[in-house]
C-alpha cells in the first residue's frame, strides 16, 4: 500500500496502525513522490491526503486514473465539503479527518476486504 500525507504525525500513525494489521505501507510526504512511486512500482491500494505540497491528492488521483482505473484509491481530507469532489476525481472512498482511534483503519481494512 502507498500512503501520501504531508503531516508527519498522521503519516506515522497510519503507517504504524497498518503495520499492526500486517499491511506493509510505503509512506511519502507529497503527491509528486506518490505519483512517481506509483509509476515505478505496483501497489494494491493508494491512500492520498487531499491537501499536500507540490501536488494535491486530487491531482494525483486524476493522474492515477489515467493509468489505472481499477486500483483502490482512498482519500483523506479535513474538508468535509470536498468529499463529493474527491469522488469525482477518482477516489473510491473518502475519510474525513480527524482520524479517531481505529475507525479509519477499520474503514480501510473493510474496503480492502470488499475489493478482494
C-alpha atoms as a PDB file:
ATOM      1  CA  UNK A   1       0.000   0.000   0.000  1.00  0.00           C
ATOM      2  CA  UNK A   2       1.142   3.533  -0.768  1.00  0.00           C
ATOM      3  CA  UNK A   3       0.219   6.416   1.533  1.00  0.00           C
ATOM      4  CA  UNK A   4       0.914  10.100   0.796  1.00  0.00           C
ATOM      5  CA  UNK A   5       0.459  12.559   3.665  1.00  0.00           C
ATOM      6  CA  UNK A   6       2.368  15.761   4.355  1.00  0.00           C
ATOM      7  CA  UNK A   7       1.736  15.767   8.105  1.00  0.00           C
ATOM      8  CA  UNK A   8       4.422  13.562   9.626  1.00  0.00           C
ATOM      9  CA  UNK A   9       2.352  12.595  12.692  1.00  0.00           C
ATOM     10  CA  UNK A  10      -0.621  11.435  10.606  1.00  0.00           C
ATOM     11  CA  UNK A  11       1.691   9.613   8.216  1.00  0.00           C
ATOM     12  CA  UNK A  12       3.426   7.691  11.006  1.00  0.00           C
ATOM     13  CA  UNK A  13       0.176   6.973  12.855  1.00  0.00           C
ATOM     14  CA  UNK A  14      -1.474   5.340   9.843  1.00  0.00           C
ATOM     15  CA  UNK A  15       1.722   3.526   8.881  1.00  0.00           C
ATOM     16  CA  UNK A  16       2.095   2.030  12.383  1.00  0.00           C
ATOM     17  CA  UNK A  17      -1.577   1.060  12.621  1.00  0.00           C
ATOM     18  CA  UNK A  18      -1.490  -0.636   9.221  1.00  0.00           C
ATOM     19  CA  UNK A  19       1.701  -2.465  10.201  1.00  0.00           C
ATOM     20  CA  UNK A  20      -0.083  -3.709  13.333  1.00  0.00           C
ATOM     21  CA  UNK A  21      -2.696  -5.193  10.968  1.00  0.00           C
ATOM     22  CA  UNK A  22       0.005  -6.898   8.885  1.00  0.00           C
ATOM     23  CA  UNK A  23      -0.137  -4.426   5.998  1.00  0.00           C
ATOM     24  CA  UNK A  24       3.087  -3.033   4.583  1.00  0.00           C
ATOM     25  CA  UNK A  25       2.722   0.682   3.938  1.00  0.00           C
ATOM     26  CA  UNK A  26       5.156   2.838   1.976  1.00  0.00           C
ATOM     27  CA  UNK A  27       4.627   6.405   3.223  1.00  0.00           C
ATOM     28  CA  UNK A  28       5.673   9.583   1.415  1.00  0.00           C
ATOM     29  CA  UNK A  29       5.159  13.254   2.208  1.00  0.00           C
ATOM     30  CA  UNK A  30       3.823  14.707  -1.036  1.00  0.00           C
ATOM     31  CA  UNK A  31       1.861  13.971  -4.171  1.00  0.00           C
ATOM     32  CA  UNK A  32       4.779  14.217  -6.585  1.00  0.00           C
ATOM     33  CA  UNK A  33       6.607  11.449  -4.739  1.00  0.00           C
ATOM     34  CA  UNK A  34       3.422   9.350  -4.563  1.00  0.00           C
ATOM     35  CA  UNK A  35       2.859   9.621  -8.306  1.00  0.00           C
ATOM     36  CA  UNK A  36       6.499   8.757  -9.023  1.00  0.00           C
ATOM     37  CA  UNK A  37       6.369   5.641  -6.844  1.00  0.00           C
ATOM     38  CA  UNK A  38       3.029   4.590  -8.331  1.00  0.00           C
ATOM     39  CA  UNK A  39       4.544   4.797 -11.818  1.00  0.00           C
ATOM     40  CA  UNK A  40       7.596   2.762 -10.759  1.00  0.00           C
ATOM     41  CA  UNK A  41       6.099   0.048  -8.524  1.00  0.00           C
ATOM     42  CA  UNK A  42       2.896  -1.944  -8.228  1.00  0.00           C
ATOM     43  CA  UNK A  43       0.698  -1.209  -5.204  1.00  0.00           C
ATOM     44  CA  UNK A  44      -2.537  -2.899  -4.165  1.00  0.00           C
ATOM     45  CA  UNK A  45      -4.050   0.304  -2.750  1.00  0.00           C
ATOM     46  CA  UNK A  46      -3.260   4.010  -2.521  1.00  0.00           C
ATOM     47  CA  UNK A  47      -4.222   6.448   0.227  1.00  0.00           C
ATOM     48  CA  UNK A  48      -3.838  10.151  -0.526  1.00  0.00           C
ATOM     49  CA  UNK A  49      -4.256  13.186   1.672  1.00  0.00           C
ATOM     50  CA  UNK A  50      -6.233  15.876  -0.129  1.00  0.00           C
ATOM     51  CA  UNK A  51      -4.033  18.900   0.591  1.00  0.00           C
ATOM     52  CA  UNK A  52      -0.281  18.402   0.171  1.00  0.00           C
ATOM     53  CA  UNK A  53       2.663  20.472  -1.056  1.00  0.00           C
ATOM     54  CA  UNK A  54       3.767  20.283  -4.702  1.00  0.00           C
ATOM     55  CA  UNK A  55       0.744  18.189  -5.809  1.00  0.00           C
ATOM     56  CA  UNK A  56      -2.571  17.658  -4.047  1.00  0.00           C
ATOM     57  CA  UNK A  57      -4.217  14.268  -3.668  1.00  0.00           C
ATOM     58  CA  UNK A  58      -6.996  15.122  -6.129  1.00  0.00           C
ATOM     59  CA  UNK A  59      -4.390  15.855  -8.814  1.00  0.00           C
ATOM     60  CA  UNK A  60      -2.560  12.599  -8.056  1.00  0.00           C
ATOM     61  CA  UNK A  61      -5.815  10.624  -8.206  1.00  0.00           C
ATOM     62  CA  UNK A  62      -6.648  12.070 -11.627  1.00  0.00           C
ATOM     63  CA  UNK A  63      -3.216  11.057 -12.938  1.00  0.00           C
ATOM     64  CA  UNK A  64      -3.502   7.577 -11.433  1.00  0.00           C
ATOM     65  CA  UNK A  65      -6.913   7.104 -13.061  1.00  0.00           C
ATOM     66  CA  UNK A  66      -5.401   7.909 -16.476  1.00  0.00           C
ATOM     67  CA  UNK A  67      -3.082   4.923 -15.958  1.00  0.00           C
ATOM     68  CA  UNK A  68      -5.158   2.504 -13.864  1.00  0.00           C
ATOM     69  CA  UNK A  69      -8.892   2.717 -13.286  1.00  0.00           C
ATOM     70  CA  UNK A  70      -9.094  -0.379 -11.093  1.00  0.00           C
ATOM     71  CA  UNK A  71      -6.666   0.259  -8.214  1.00  0.00           C
ATOM     72  CA  UNK A  72      -8.448   1.285  -4.999  1.00  0.00           C
ATOM     73  CA  UNK A  73      -7.699   4.904  -4.092  1.00  0.00           C
ATOM     74  CA  UNK A  74      -8.765   6.279  -0.710  1.00  0.00           C
ATOM     75  CA  UNK A  75      -8.744   9.988   0.051  1.00  0.00           C
ATOM     76  CA  UNK A  76      -8.251  11.606   3.423  1.00  0.00           C
ATOM     77  CA  UNK A  77      -9.344  15.200   3.908  1.00  0.00           C
ATOM     78  CA  UNK A  78     -10.086  17.711   6.622  1.00  0.00           C
ATOM     79  CA  UNK A  79     -12.562  19.449   4.292  1.00  0.00           C
ATOM     80  CA  UNK A  80     -15.923  17.733   4.645  1.00  0.00           C
ATOM     81  CA  UNK A  81     -17.268  19.896   1.802  1.00  0.00           C
ATOM     82  CA  UNK A  82     -14.842  18.295  -0.678  1.00  0.00           C
ATOM     83  CA  UNK A  83     -15.974  14.663  -0.304  1.00  0.00           C
ATOM     84  CA  UNK A  84     -18.135  14.611  -3.456  1.00  0.00           C
ATOM     85  CA  UNK A  85     -15.458  16.458  -5.458  1.00  0.00           C
ATOM     86  CA  UNK A  86     -12.856  13.878  -4.418  1.00  0.00           C
ATOM     87  CA  UNK A  87     -15.128  11.040  -5.518  1.00  0.00           C
ATOM     88  CA  UNK A  88     -15.440  12.743  -8.925  1.00  0.00           C
ATOM     89  CA  UNK A  89     -11.628  12.911  -9.086  1.00  0.00           C
ATOM     90  CA  UNK A  90     -11.436   9.125  -8.846  1.00  0.00           C
ATOM     91  CA  UNK A  91     -11.350   8.252  -5.160  1.00  0.00           C
ATOM     92  CA  UNK A  92     -13.218   5.065  -4.239  1.00  0.00           C
ATOM     93  CA  UNK A  93     -13.578   6.101  -0.598  1.00  0.00           C
ATOM     94  CA  UNK A  94     -13.059   9.359   1.307  1.00  0.00           C
ATOM     95  CA  UNK A  95     -12.314   9.560   5.035  1.00  0.00           C
ATOM     96  CA  UNK A  96     -12.760  12.887   6.815  1.00  0.00           C
ATOM     97  CA  UNK A  97     -10.197  13.944   9.437  1.00  0.00           C
ATOM     98  CA  UNK A  98      -9.596  13.926  12.303  1.00  0.00           C
ATOM     99  CA  UNK A  99      -8.673  10.267  12.263  1.00  0.00           C
ATOM    100  CA  UNK A 100     -10.028   8.886  15.513  1.00  0.00           C
ATOM    101  CA  UNK A 101      -8.901   5.657  17.133  1.00  0.00           C
ATOM    102  CA  UNK A 102      -9.001   2.676  14.838  1.00  0.00           C
ATOM    103  CA  UNK A 103     -12.156   3.785  13.000  1.00  0.00           C
ATOM    104  CA  UNK A 104     -10.261   4.976   9.926  1.00  0.00           C
ATOM    105  CA  UNK A 105      -8.131   1.822   9.841  1.00  0.00           C
ATOM    106  CA  UNK A 106     -11.243  -0.342  10.071  1.00  0.00           C
ATOM    107  CA  UNK A 107     -12.718   1.516   7.079  1.00  0.00           C
ATOM    108  CA  UNK A 108      -9.527   0.932   5.088  1.00  0.00           C
ATOM    109  CA  UNK A 109      -9.376  -2.738   6.073  1.00  0.00           C
ATOM    110  CA  UNK A 110     -13.058  -3.233   5.250  1.00  0.00           C
ATOM    111  CA  UNK A 111     -12.576  -1.603   1.882  1.00  0.00           C
ATOM    112  CA  UNK A 112      -9.608  -3.869   1.157  1.00  0.00           C
ATOM    113  CA  UNK A 113     -11.656  -6.953   2.051  1.00  0.00           C
ATOM    114  CA  UNK A 114     -14.566  -5.831  -0.141  1.00  0.00           C
ATOM    115  CA  UNK A 115     -12.216  -5.263  -3.054  1.00  0.00           C
ATOM    116  CA  UNK A 116     -10.609  -8.712  -2.960  1.00  0.00           C
END
